[in-house]
Amino acid sequence: MKHTVATFAAALVAYAATPCVHAANPLERDGFFAGISVGASSGAAGPIGRIEQDYPESHTAGRLRGGYWFSPNWGIEAGYTRLGRIEQRYTDGTFRGQGEALHVGGLARLAFADRWALVGKLALVSTRVKDDGSTGVSTSYDRLKGRSTSLAPGVALEYALSERVALTLEADSMGRGGKKLDLGYAGLGLRYAF
């Protein structure tokens, strides 16, 4: 998934950098914007010396973001993502954590049809996962919690509902929680252009 998102984002950036004429599209406006989305977080735990009982569960997550488009194709964004509960069951206990992340990064936008656009993202993400009622021997859970900072890709599909409001569907890598927990976010939301 990470490689697919990174490859897609790189292709989008390369295409947006080429001089071409795009169709008139309300999503090509520049200036300030703000957005909100609700979705699900994901956590893929790496090996910590315990036997996993099943796949990690996805839980409700949400995001607030804002940014600025310098041109129809290039912008910046900053945001806060509440990843919600992250849970991984093992044969001898369960890791339960709460996650959150702050991000700031660049955006590349490609309007490809009337009212439609793809947005590639590359952000510096600071993530924090803390214990929230884990059970069992918790010594190896230290590798699944803590703070980390990483460069992470993302992608969004946008549809203009009006001149200023767009519906967004986004999927982002959120870096790591601790040393052995890869995090992700997928959400559906709205973006408002000022």
Protein backbone atom coordinates (compact mmCIF):
# COMPACT_ATOMS: atom_id res chain seq x y z
CA MET A 1 0.00 0.00 0.00
CA LYS A 2 2.79 2.45 0.91
CA HIS A 3 4.63 1.81 -2.38
CA THR A 4 1.41 2.19 -4.40
CA VAL A 5 0.54 5.51 -2.75
CA ALA A 6 4.12 6.77 -3.14
CA THR A 7 4.26 5.78 -6.83
CA PHE A 8 0.89 7.38 -7.52
CA ALA A 9 1.85 10.59 -5.68
CA ALA A 10 5.14 10.79 -7.62
CA ALA A 11 3.32 10.34 -10.94
CA LEU A 12 0.81 13.02 -9.98
CA VAL A 13 3.58 15.47 -9.05
CA ALA A 14 5.41 14.78 -12.34
CA TYR A 15 2.23 15.32 -14.36
CA ALA A 16 1.28 18.50 -12.49
CA ALA A 17 4.78 19.90 -13.15
CA THR A 18 4.41 19.61 -16.94
CA PRO A 19 3.05 22.67 -18.73
CA CYS A 20 -0.41 21.81 -20.02
CA VAL A 21 -3.83 23.38 -20.27
CA HIS A 22 -6.36 22.01 -17.81
CA ALA A 23 -10.11 22.36 -18.25
CA ALA A 24 -11.84 25.06 -16.20
CA ASN A 25 -12.63 23.46 -12.88
CA PRO A 26 -13.81 24.95 -9.56
CA LEU A 27 -11.18 22.80 -7.83
CA GLU A 28 -8.39 24.75 -9.56
CA ARG A 29 -8.89 27.93 -7.51
CA ASP A 30 -6.05 29.20 -5.36
CA GLY A 31 -6.12 30.70 -1.86
CA PHE A 32 -6.89 29.46 1.65
CA PHE A 33 -8.93 26.35 2.44
CA ALA A 34 -10.09 24.38 5.48
CA GLY A 35 -11.38 20.84 5.74
CA ILE A 36 -12.78 18.19 8.02
CA SER A 37 -13.11 14.44 7.51
CA VAL A 38 -14.22 11.33 9.38
CA GLY A 39 -12.98 7.84 8.64
CA ALA A 40 -10.97 4.98 10.05
CA SER A 41 -7.44 4.48 11.29
CA SER A 42 -5.36 1.41 10.63
CA GLY A 43 -2.39 -0.01 12.45
CA ALA A 44 -0.10 -2.78 11.21
CA ALA A 45 2.01 -4.10 14.07
CA GLY A 46 5.45 -5.48 13.30
CA PRO A 47 6.96 -8.45 15.14
CA ILE A 48 7.38 -7.79 18.87
CA GLY A 49 8.15 -11.35 20.03
CA ARG A 50 4.51 -12.36 20.58
CA ILE A 51 2.08 -14.42 18.52
CA GLU A 52 -0.62 -12.33 16.86
CA GLN A 53 -4.12 -13.70 17.23
CA ASP A 54 -5.76 -11.77 14.39
CA TYR A 55 -5.45 -8.62 12.27
CA PRO A 56 -5.55 -5.20 13.97
CA GLU A 57 -9.00 -3.64 14.19
CA SER A 58 -9.87 -0.34 12.49
CA HIS A 59 -11.58 2.31 14.58
CA THR A 60 -13.21 5.68 13.99
CA ALA A 61 -10.82 8.54 13.31
CA GLY A 62 -11.15 12.20 12.32
CA ARG A 63 -9.12 15.02 10.82
CA LEU A 64 -9.06 18.83 10.78
CA ARG A 65 -6.87 20.54 8.18
CA GLY A 66 -6.15 23.85 6.56
CA GLY A 67 -3.85 25.15 3.90
CA TYR A 68 -3.17 27.40 0.97
CA TRP A 69 -3.09 26.81 -2.79
CA PHE A 70 -0.38 28.97 -4.38
CA SER A 71 -1.56 28.02 -7.88
CA PRO A 72 -4.04 25.57 -9.42
CA ASN A 73 -1.46 22.79 -8.99
CA TRP A 74 0.66 23.51 -5.89
CA GLY A 75 -0.17 24.08 -2.25
CA ILE A 76 0.66 23.42 1.39
CA GLU A 77 -1.40 21.87 4.18
CA ALA A 78 -1.24 21.42 7.94
CA GLY A 79 -3.58 19.32 10.04
CA TYR A 80 -4.41 17.29 13.11
CA THR A 81 -5.62 13.68 12.92
CA ARG A 82 -7.20 11.86 15.85
CA LEU A 83 -6.47 8.21 15.04
CA GLY A 84 -8.72 6.88 17.79
CA ARG A 85 -8.22 3.44 19.30
CA ILE A 86 -5.58 1.09 17.92
CA GLU A 87 -5.99 -2.52 19.00
CA GLN A 88 -3.92 -5.65 18.33
CA ARG A 89 -4.73 -9.00 19.98
CA TYR A 90 -2.05 -11.51 20.90
CA THR A 91 -2.44 -15.01 22.35
CA ASP A 92 -1.34 -13.72 25.76
CA GLY A 93 -2.90 -10.23 25.85
CA THR A 94 -4.12 -7.23 23.88
CA PHE A 95 -2.40 -3.97 23.04
CA ARG A 96 -4.81 -1.04 23.18
CA GLY A 97 -3.55 2.42 22.30
CA GLN A 98 -4.84 5.87 21.42
CA GLY A 99 -3.16 7.70 18.54
CA GLU A 100 -2.93 11.23 17.19
CA ALA A 101 -0.82 12.98 14.58
CA LEU A 102 0.15 16.44 13.37
CA HIS A 103 1.25 16.94 9.77
CA VAL A 104 2.55 19.66 7.47
CA GLY A 105 3.38 19.10 3.85
CA GLY A 106 3.13 19.86 0.18
CA LEU A 107 0.23 19.23 -2.19
CA ALA A 108 0.12 18.62 -5.95
CA ARG A 109 -3.30 18.83 -7.63
CA LEU A 110 -4.46 17.58 -11.01
CA ALA A 111 -7.94 18.51 -12.24
CA PHE A 112 -8.79 15.70 -14.66
CA ALA A 113 -12.51 16.23 -15.43
CA ASP A 114 -15.24 18.76 -14.80
CA ARG A 115 -15.47 19.04 -10.97
CA TRP A 116 -12.94 16.23 -10.32
CA ALA A 117 -9.33 16.42 -9.12
CA LEU A 118 -6.62 14.16 -7.73
CA VAL A 119 -4.34 15.47 -4.99
CA GLY A 120 -0.99 13.94 -4.12
CA LYS A 121 0.51 14.69 -0.70
CA LEU A 122 3.93 14.41 0.89
CA ALA A 123 3.94 15.43 4.55
CA LEU A 124 6.15 15.50 7.59
CA VAL A 125 4.07 13.64 10.19
CA SER A 126 4.59 13.65 13.94
CA THR A 127 2.68 10.75 15.52
CA ARG A 128 2.03 9.82 19.14
CA VAL A 129 0.53 6.55 20.39
CA LYS A 130 -0.09 6.05 24.11
CA ASP A 131 -1.28 3.00 26.05
CA ASP A 132 -5.02 2.89 26.69
CA GLY A 133 -5.77 -0.18 28.79
CA SER A 134 -3.57 -2.93 27.35
CA THR A 135 -3.79 -6.38 28.94
CA GLY A 136 -1.20 -9.09 29.47
CA VAL A 137 2.54 -8.62 29.93
CA SER A 138 3.13 -5.12 28.60
CA THR A 139 6.94 -5.03 28.27
CA SER A 140 6.99 -5.68 24.51
CA TYR A 141 4.17 -3.17 23.93
CA ASP A 142 6.77 -0.41 24.28
CA ARG A 143 7.64 -0.99 20.61
CA LEU A 144 4.05 -0.14 19.60
CA LYS A 145 3.70 3.14 21.47
CA GLY A 146 5.58 6.41 21.72
CA ARG A 147 6.37 9.32 19.42
CA SER A 148 7.86 9.32 15.95
CA THR A 149 8.35 11.71 13.04
CA SER A 150 8.50 10.61 9.41
CA LEU A 151 7.90 11.68 5.83
CA ALA A 152 4.67 10.07 4.59
CA PRO A 153 2.74 10.05 1.28
CA GLY A 154 -0.98 10.38 0.73
CA VAL A 155 -3.58 10.78 -1.98
CA ALA A 156 -7.06 12.32 -2.21
CA LEU A 157 -9.88 12.38 -4.72
CA GLU A 158 -11.99 15.56 -4.72
CA TYR A 159 -15.37 16.38 -6.26
CA ALA A 160 -16.61 20.00 -6.36
CA LEU A 161 -20.14 20.29 -4.95
CA SER A 162 -20.11 24.05 -5.54
CA GLU A 163 -17.68 26.86 -6.31
CA ARG A 164 -16.27 26.69 -2.75
CA VAL A 165 -17.22 23.28 -1.29
CA ALA A 166 -15.68 19.95 -2.32
CA LEU A 167 -16.26 16.38 -1.18
CA THR A 168 -12.97 14.60 -0.42
CA LEU A 169 -11.95 10.96 -0.17
CA GLU A 170 -8.42 10.59 1.22
CA ALA A 171 -5.96 7.86 2.17
CA ASP A 172 -2.72 8.70 3.96
CA SER A 173 0.18 6.90 5.55
CA MET A 174 0.61 8.33 9.05
CA GLY A 175 4.12 7.08 9.70
CA ARG A 176 4.84 5.01 12.80
CA GLY A 177 3.59 4.78 16.34
CA GLY A 178 6.66 3.65 18.22
CA LYS A 179 9.18 1.46 16.39
CA LYS A 180 6.91 -1.38 15.18
CA LEU A 181 3.46 0.09 14.42
CA ASP A 182 2.72 1.44 10.90
CA LEU A 183 -0.29 3.75 10.93
CA GLY A 184 -2.72 4.86 8.25
CA TYR A 185 -5.84 6.99 7.83
CA ALA A 186 -8.70 6.90 5.32
CA GLY A 187 -11.57 9.36 5.46
CA LEU A 188 -14.47 11.06 3.74
CA GLY A 189 -14.94 14.77 4.29
CA LEU A 190 -15.56 18.29 3.07
CA ARG A 191 -13.17 21.05 2.03
CA TYR A 192 -14.13 24.73 1.95
CA ALA A 193 -12.21 27.27 -0.17
CA PHE A 194 -12.17 30.85 1.15
